[in-house]
N, C-alpha and C. Protein backbone atom coordinates (compact mmCIF):
# COMPACT_ATOMS: atom_id res chain seq x y z
N MET A 1 0.84 -1.18 0.00
CA MET A 1 0.00 0.00 0.00
C MET A 1 0.89 1.24 0.00
N SER A 2 0.57 2.20 -0.81
CA SER A 2 1.32 3.43 -0.95
C SER A 2 0.54 4.57 -0.30
N PHE A 3 1.20 5.33 0.58
CA PHE A 3 0.55 6.46 1.23
C PHE A 3 0.78 7.72 0.41
N LYS A 4 -0.19 8.61 0.43
CA LYS A 4 -0.09 9.89 -0.27
C LYS A 4 -0.47 10.99 0.71
N LEU A 5 0.22 12.12 0.61
CA LEU A 5 -0.05 13.26 1.48
C LEU A 5 -1.40 13.88 1.15
N ASN A 6 -2.20 14.10 2.16
CA ASN A 6 -3.45 14.82 2.00
C ASN A 6 -3.10 16.25 1.59
N PRO A 7 -3.68 16.82 0.55
CA PRO A 7 -3.35 18.17 0.09
C PRO A 7 -3.45 19.23 1.19
N GLN A 8 -4.31 19.03 2.17
CA GLN A 8 -4.44 19.99 3.26
C GLN A 8 -3.25 19.93 4.23
N GLY A 9 -2.43 18.91 4.08
CA GLY A 9 -1.25 18.78 4.94
C GLY A 9 -0.08 19.64 4.51
N LEU A 10 -0.14 20.18 3.31
CA LEU A 10 0.93 21.03 2.80
C LEU A 10 0.55 22.48 3.05
N LYS A 11 1.38 23.15 3.88
CA LYS A 11 1.12 24.56 4.24
C LYS A 11 2.41 25.34 4.13
N SER A 12 2.26 26.62 3.99
CA SER A 12 3.42 27.51 4.04
C SER A 12 4.01 27.43 5.45
N ALA A 13 5.32 27.39 5.56
CA ALA A 13 5.96 27.31 6.88
C ALA A 13 5.58 28.49 7.76
N GLU A 14 5.42 29.67 7.14
CA GLU A 14 5.04 30.86 7.91
C GLU A 14 3.64 30.72 8.52
N TYR A 15 2.81 29.91 7.89
CA TYR A 15 1.47 29.66 8.39
C TYR A 15 1.51 28.68 9.57
N ALA A 16 2.43 27.73 9.52
CA ALA A 16 2.47 26.65 10.50
C ALA A 16 3.28 26.99 11.75
N ARG A 17 4.26 27.87 11.61
CA ARG A 17 5.12 28.18 12.75
C ARG A 17 5.73 29.56 12.57
N GLN A 18 6.30 30.09 13.67
CA GLN A 18 6.96 31.39 13.63
C GLN A 18 8.45 31.21 13.81
N LEU A 19 9.21 32.14 13.28
CA LEU A 19 10.64 32.17 13.48
C LEU A 19 10.95 33.39 14.35
N HIS A 20 11.58 33.15 15.50
CA HIS A 20 11.92 34.22 16.43
C HIS A 20 13.43 34.40 16.44
N HIS A 21 13.88 35.55 16.90
CA HIS A 21 15.31 35.84 16.97
C HIS A 21 15.58 36.55 18.29
N ILE A 22 16.61 36.09 19.02
CA ILE A 22 17.02 36.78 20.25
C ILE A 22 18.53 36.94 20.28
N VAL A 23 18.96 37.96 20.98
CA VAL A 23 20.38 38.15 21.32
C VAL A 23 20.43 38.00 22.84
N THR A 24 21.29 37.12 23.32
CA THR A 24 21.33 36.84 24.76
C THR A 24 21.82 38.05 25.55
N ASP A 25 21.50 38.06 26.82
CA ASP A 25 22.08 39.04 27.73
C ASP A 25 23.51 38.61 28.04
N VAL A 26 24.26 39.52 28.60
CA VAL A 26 25.63 39.21 29.01
C VAL A 26 25.61 38.08 30.03
N GLY A 27 26.50 37.11 29.86
CA GLY A 27 26.62 36.02 30.81
C GLY A 27 25.65 34.87 30.60
N VAL A 28 24.83 34.92 29.56
CA VAL A 28 23.88 33.84 29.28
C VAL A 28 24.53 32.87 28.30
N PHE A 29 24.49 31.60 28.63
CA PHE A 29 25.10 30.55 27.83
C PHE A 29 24.03 29.60 27.33
N LEU A 30 24.39 28.71 26.42
CA LEU A 30 23.44 27.77 25.84
C LEU A 30 22.71 26.97 26.91
N GLU A 31 23.43 26.49 27.91
CA GLU A 31 22.77 25.70 28.95
C GLU A 31 21.72 26.51 29.71
N ASP A 32 21.89 27.83 29.77
CA ASP A 32 20.91 28.68 30.44
C ASP A 32 19.62 28.78 29.64
N ILE A 33 19.73 28.94 28.33
CA ILE A 33 18.51 29.11 27.52
C ILE A 33 17.75 27.80 27.34
N LEU A 34 18.37 26.70 27.68
CA LEU A 34 17.68 25.41 27.60
C LEU A 34 16.84 25.12 28.85
N GLN A 35 16.94 25.98 29.85
CA GLN A 35 16.11 25.84 31.05
C GLN A 35 14.72 26.38 30.73
N PRO A 36 13.67 25.60 30.93
CA PRO A 36 12.31 26.06 30.58
C PRO A 36 11.94 27.40 31.21
N GLU A 37 12.40 27.68 32.41
CA GLU A 37 12.04 28.94 33.08
C GLU A 37 12.73 30.16 32.47
N TYR A 38 13.77 29.96 31.67
CA TYR A 38 14.44 31.08 31.01
C TYR A 38 13.43 31.86 30.15
N TRP A 39 12.46 31.17 29.60
CA TRP A 39 11.50 31.75 28.67
C TRP A 39 10.25 32.30 29.36
N ALA A 40 10.23 32.36 30.68
CA ALA A 40 9.03 32.72 31.44
C ALA A 40 8.36 34.01 30.98
N HIS A 41 9.13 35.04 30.68
CA HIS A 41 8.54 36.33 30.34
C HIS A 41 8.02 36.42 28.90
N VAL A 42 8.38 35.46 28.06
CA VAL A 42 7.93 35.49 26.66
C VAL A 42 7.21 34.21 26.25
N ALA A 43 7.03 33.29 27.16
CA ALA A 43 6.45 31.97 26.84
C ALA A 43 5.07 32.08 26.19
N LYS A 44 4.30 33.09 26.56
CA LYS A 44 2.96 33.26 25.98
C LYS A 44 3.01 33.53 24.48
N GLN A 45 4.14 34.01 23.99
CA GLN A 45 4.29 34.34 22.57
C GLN A 45 4.75 33.13 21.74
N LEU A 46 5.13 32.04 22.41
CA LEU A 46 5.68 30.89 21.72
C LEU A 46 4.62 29.80 21.50
N HIS A 47 4.85 29.00 20.47
CA HIS A 47 3.97 27.87 20.16
C HIS A 47 4.84 26.66 19.82
N VAL A 48 4.30 25.49 20.02
CA VAL A 48 5.01 24.26 19.66
C VAL A 48 5.40 24.33 18.18
N ASN A 49 6.60 23.92 17.88
CA ASN A 49 7.21 23.91 16.55
C ASN A 49 7.73 25.26 16.08
N ASP A 50 7.60 26.32 16.89
CA ASP A 50 8.25 27.58 16.56
C ASP A 50 9.76 27.35 16.60
N ARG A 51 10.48 28.14 15.85
CA ARG A 51 11.94 28.09 15.88
C ARG A 51 12.46 29.39 16.45
N ILE A 52 13.60 29.29 17.13
CA ILE A 52 14.21 30.47 17.73
C ILE A 52 15.68 30.50 17.34
N GLU A 53 16.10 31.60 16.72
CA GLU A 53 17.52 31.82 16.44
C GLU A 53 18.10 32.56 17.64
N VAL A 54 19.21 32.08 18.15
CA VAL A 54 19.83 32.69 19.32
C VAL A 54 21.26 33.08 18.97
N VAL A 55 21.60 34.33 19.25
CA VAL A 55 22.95 34.82 19.02
C VAL A 55 23.50 35.31 20.36
N ALA A 56 24.70 34.85 20.72
CA ALA A 56 25.34 35.32 21.94
C ALA A 56 25.70 36.79 21.77
N VAL A 57 25.53 37.57 22.82
CA VAL A 57 25.76 39.01 22.75
C VAL A 57 27.19 39.35 22.31
N ASP A 58 28.15 38.49 22.64
CA ASP A 58 29.54 38.75 22.24
C ASP A 58 29.89 38.08 20.92
N GLY A 59 28.89 37.48 20.26
CA GLY A 59 29.12 36.85 18.97
C GLY A 59 29.87 35.53 19.04
N ALA A 60 30.02 34.97 20.23
CA ALA A 60 30.81 33.76 20.40
C ALA A 60 30.11 32.52 19.86
N TRP A 61 28.77 32.50 19.86
CA TRP A 61 28.05 31.31 19.42
C TRP A 61 26.68 31.66 18.86
N TYR A 62 26.11 30.69 18.16
CA TYR A 62 24.80 30.80 17.54
C TYR A 62 24.10 29.46 17.75
N ALA A 63 22.79 29.51 17.95
CA ALA A 63 22.03 28.28 18.09
C ALA A 63 20.66 28.44 17.45
N GLU A 64 20.12 27.33 16.99
CA GLU A 64 18.74 27.28 16.52
C GLU A 64 18.00 26.30 17.41
N LEU A 65 16.86 26.73 17.91
CA LEU A 65 16.07 25.92 18.83
C LEU A 65 14.70 25.62 18.23
N LEU A 66 14.12 24.51 18.64
CA LEU A 66 12.76 24.14 18.28
C LEU A 66 11.95 24.06 19.55
N VAL A 67 10.85 24.80 19.62
CA VAL A 67 9.99 24.77 20.80
C VAL A 67 9.24 23.44 20.80
N GLN A 68 9.45 22.64 21.83
CA GLN A 68 8.81 21.33 21.93
C GLN A 68 7.53 21.36 22.75
N SER A 69 7.52 22.20 23.77
CA SER A 69 6.31 22.39 24.58
C SER A 69 6.40 23.75 25.25
N CYS A 70 5.24 24.31 25.57
CA CYS A 70 5.25 25.61 26.23
C CYS A 70 3.94 25.83 26.96
N SER A 71 4.01 26.74 27.91
CA SER A 71 2.83 27.16 28.67
C SER A 71 2.92 28.67 28.82
N ASN A 72 2.17 29.23 29.72
CA ASN A 72 2.26 30.68 29.96
C ASN A 72 3.53 31.09 30.68
N ILE A 73 4.22 30.13 31.30
CA ILE A 73 5.39 30.50 32.11
C ILE A 73 6.66 29.71 31.79
N HIS A 74 6.63 28.87 30.77
CA HIS A 74 7.85 28.13 30.44
C HIS A 74 7.81 27.69 28.97
N ALA A 75 8.98 27.31 28.47
CA ALA A 75 9.07 26.72 27.14
C ALA A 75 10.22 25.73 27.16
N LYS A 76 9.95 24.55 26.67
CA LYS A 76 11.00 23.53 26.56
C LYS A 76 11.45 23.52 25.11
N CYS A 77 12.76 23.69 24.92
CA CYS A 77 13.32 23.78 23.57
C CYS A 77 14.38 22.72 23.35
N ALA A 78 14.49 22.29 22.10
CA ALA A 78 15.53 21.35 21.69
C ALA A 78 16.49 22.10 20.76
N VAL A 79 17.76 21.72 20.83
CA VAL A 79 18.78 22.35 19.99
C VAL A 79 18.78 21.67 18.62
N LEU A 80 18.54 22.44 17.58
CA LEU A 80 18.61 21.95 16.21
C LEU A 80 20.02 22.13 15.64
N ALA A 81 20.64 23.24 16.02
CA ALA A 81 21.99 23.53 15.55
C ALA A 81 22.68 24.40 16.58
N HIS A 82 23.98 24.22 16.69
CA HIS A 82 24.79 25.04 17.61
C HIS A 82 26.17 25.19 17.00
N LYS A 83 26.64 26.40 16.91
CA LYS A 83 27.95 26.66 16.33
C LYS A 83 28.70 27.66 17.20
N GLU A 84 29.92 27.32 17.58
CA GLU A 84 30.77 28.26 18.32
C GLU A 84 31.73 28.90 17.33
N PHE A 85 31.81 30.23 17.36
CA PHE A 85 32.67 30.97 16.45
C PHE A 85 34.01 31.29 17.09
N HIS A 86 34.00 31.54 18.37
CA HIS A 86 35.22 31.70 19.15
C HIS A 86 34.87 31.34 20.58
N LYS A 87 35.87 31.14 21.36
CA LYS A 87 35.63 30.68 22.73
C LYS A 87 34.80 31.72 23.49
N PRO A 88 33.63 31.31 24.01
CA PRO A 88 32.81 32.26 24.75
C PRO A 88 33.43 32.58 26.10
N ALA A 89 33.00 33.69 26.65
CA ALA A 89 33.44 34.03 28.00
C ALA A 89 33.04 32.90 28.93
N VAL A 90 33.86 32.61 29.92
CA VAL A 90 33.55 31.53 30.84
C VAL A 90 32.84 32.08 32.06
N LYS A 91 32.04 31.24 32.66
CA LYS A 91 31.38 31.67 33.89
C LYS A 91 32.42 31.86 34.97
N ALA A 92 32.11 32.72 35.90
CA ALA A 92 33.06 33.06 36.95
C ALA A 92 33.42 31.85 37.79
N ASP A 93 34.69 31.71 38.07
CA ASP A 93 35.19 30.68 38.97
C ASP A 93 35.03 31.23 40.38
N ALA A 94 34.25 30.56 41.20
CA ALA A 94 33.96 31.06 42.54
C ALA A 94 35.22 31.24 43.38
N LYS A 95 36.30 30.54 43.03
CA LYS A 95 37.54 30.63 43.80
C LYS A 95 38.40 31.82 43.37
N ALA A 96 38.24 32.28 42.14
CA ALA A 96 39.06 33.39 41.64
C ALA A 96 38.44 34.72 42.09
N PRO A 97 39.25 35.67 42.52
CA PRO A 97 38.69 36.94 42.99
C PRO A 97 38.11 37.81 41.86
N TYR A 98 38.59 37.60 40.62
CA TYR A 98 38.12 38.39 39.49
C TYR A 98 37.86 37.49 38.29
N TYR A 99 37.00 37.95 37.41
CA TYR A 99 36.76 37.25 36.15
C TYR A 99 36.52 38.29 35.06
N PHE A 100 36.45 37.83 33.83
CA PHE A 100 36.29 38.72 32.68
C PHE A 100 34.97 38.43 32.00
N ALA A 101 34.31 39.48 31.54
CA ALA A 101 33.02 39.31 30.87
C ALA A 101 32.89 40.34 29.76
N TYR A 102 32.31 39.91 28.65
CA TYR A 102 31.95 40.85 27.60
C TYR A 102 30.57 41.37 27.95
N ARG A 103 30.40 42.69 28.07
CA ARG A 103 29.16 43.27 28.57
C ARG A 103 28.46 44.16 27.54
N GLY A 104 28.66 43.87 26.28
CA GLY A 104 27.97 44.63 25.24
C GLY A 104 28.87 45.66 24.59
N GLU A 105 28.33 46.31 23.58
CA GLU A 105 29.11 47.24 22.77
C GLU A 105 29.62 48.45 23.53
N SER A 106 28.85 48.96 24.48
CA SER A 106 29.30 50.16 25.20
C SER A 106 30.30 49.83 26.30
N ALA A 107 30.09 48.78 27.05
CA ALA A 107 31.00 48.42 28.15
C ALA A 107 32.16 47.55 27.67
N LYS A 108 31.97 46.86 26.57
CA LYS A 108 32.96 45.96 25.98
C LYS A 108 33.42 44.91 26.99
N HIS A 109 34.70 44.54 26.94
CA HIS A 109 35.23 43.54 27.87
C HIS A 109 35.50 44.23 29.21
N SER A 110 35.15 43.54 30.29
CA SER A 110 35.26 44.13 31.62
C SER A 110 35.92 43.18 32.60
N VAL A 111 36.53 43.77 33.61
CA VAL A 111 37.06 43.01 34.75
C VAL A 111 35.98 43.08 35.82
N MET A 112 35.56 41.91 36.32
CA MET A 112 34.47 41.84 37.29
C MET A 112 34.98 41.20 38.59
N ARG A 113 34.45 41.66 39.72
CA ARG A 113 34.79 41.07 41.02
C ARG A 113 33.83 39.90 41.25
N THR A 114 34.36 38.74 41.55
CA THR A 114 33.56 37.52 41.72
C THR A 114 32.60 37.61 42.89
N SER A 115 33.03 38.16 44.01
CA SER A 115 32.23 38.14 45.23
C SER A 115 30.87 38.83 45.08
N ASP A 116 30.83 39.96 44.39
CA ASP A 116 29.57 40.69 44.26
C ASP A 116 29.21 41.06 42.81
N LYS A 117 30.01 40.55 41.87
CA LYS A 117 29.80 40.78 40.44
C LYS A 117 29.87 42.26 40.06
N ALA A 118 30.59 43.03 40.86
CA ALA A 118 30.75 44.45 40.58
C ALA A 118 31.77 44.65 39.45
N VAL A 119 31.57 45.70 38.68
CA VAL A 119 32.49 46.05 37.61
C VAL A 119 33.70 46.76 38.22
N VAL A 120 34.89 46.22 37.98
CA VAL A 120 36.11 46.84 38.47
C VAL A 120 36.64 47.82 37.43
N LYS A 121 36.65 47.40 36.17
CA LYS A 121 37.12 48.25 35.06
C LYS A 121 36.48 47.72 33.79
N GLU A 122 36.04 48.64 32.92
CA GLU A 122 35.39 48.23 31.68
C GLU A 122 35.95 49.00 30.50
N GLY A 123 35.54 48.59 29.31
CA GLY A 123 35.92 49.32 28.11
C GLY A 123 37.11 48.77 27.36
N PHE A 124 37.52 47.55 27.68
CA PHE A 124 38.65 46.94 26.98
C PHE A 124 38.19 46.37 25.64
N ASP A 125 39.01 46.53 24.62
CA ASP A 125 38.65 46.03 23.29
C ASP A 125 38.76 44.52 23.17
N SER A 126 39.51 43.90 24.07
CA SER A 126 39.67 42.44 24.03
C SER A 126 39.81 41.90 25.44
N LYS A 127 39.59 40.61 25.56
CA LYS A 127 39.77 39.96 26.86
C LYS A 127 41.24 40.02 27.25
N ALA A 128 42.12 39.88 26.27
CA ALA A 128 43.57 39.94 26.54
C ALA A 128 43.95 41.27 27.15
N ALA A 129 43.38 42.36 26.67
CA ALA A 129 43.68 43.69 27.22
C ALA A 129 43.19 43.80 28.66
N ALA A 130 42.02 43.22 28.95
CA ALA A 130 41.50 43.23 30.32
C ALA A 130 42.38 42.40 31.24
N GLU A 131 42.84 41.25 30.75
CA GLU A 131 43.74 40.40 31.55
C GLU A 131 45.05 41.12 31.84
N GLU A 132 45.58 41.81 30.84
CA GLU A 132 46.83 42.55 31.03
C GLU A 132 46.67 43.65 32.06
N TRP A 133 45.55 44.38 31.99
CA TRP A 133 45.30 45.44 32.96
C TRP A 133 45.20 44.87 34.37
N LEU A 134 44.49 43.76 34.54
CA LEU A 134 44.34 43.16 35.86
C LEU A 134 45.69 42.70 36.40
N ALA A 135 46.51 42.09 35.56
CA ALA A 135 47.82 41.64 35.99
C ALA A 135 48.66 42.79 36.52
N LYS A 136 48.56 43.96 35.91
CA LYS A 136 49.34 45.13 36.33
C LYS A 136 48.76 45.82 37.55
N ASN A 137 47.45 45.71 37.76
CA ASN A 137 46.78 46.49 38.79
C ASN A 137 46.18 45.70 39.94
N GLN A 138 46.27 44.39 39.90
CA GLN A 138 45.60 43.56 40.92
C GLN A 138 46.10 43.86 42.33
N SER A 139 47.36 44.18 42.48
CA SER A 139 47.91 44.44 43.82
C SER A 139 47.30 45.71 44.44
N GLU A 140 46.80 46.61 43.62
CA GLU A 140 46.21 47.86 44.11
C GLU A 140 44.72 47.73 44.40
N LEU A 141 44.11 46.63 44.01
CA LEU A 141 42.66 46.46 44.18
C LEU A 141 42.31 45.92 45.54
């Protein structure tokens, strides 16, 4: 027996699902956006089978997600694609007194204090420049 698609089963993709795009906040990583509660404030706008393009704020990675289930306060997503372009900023090591974070176009790369996440110095064009500054100035902090 040969199956044939019912003509009503063929629809424009734009009719069947939406494509969303987000740029993450500073310090948000792929594992964070896979938590259903991450989507709490926008879950009402999502539907099963919607796709979400995600770009890291520092341009370190890109991901495509498929909404598998959602409610008014959560969305469960699966990763369809994930690509790292350069090493993303790492989460703060609780043992280190300082860490580095990319905080957007205006603040750029910053030196952050681990204990309270306060900005020590910002505006570096690269992580290497922030590391160099910290190495020279850490004894004064």
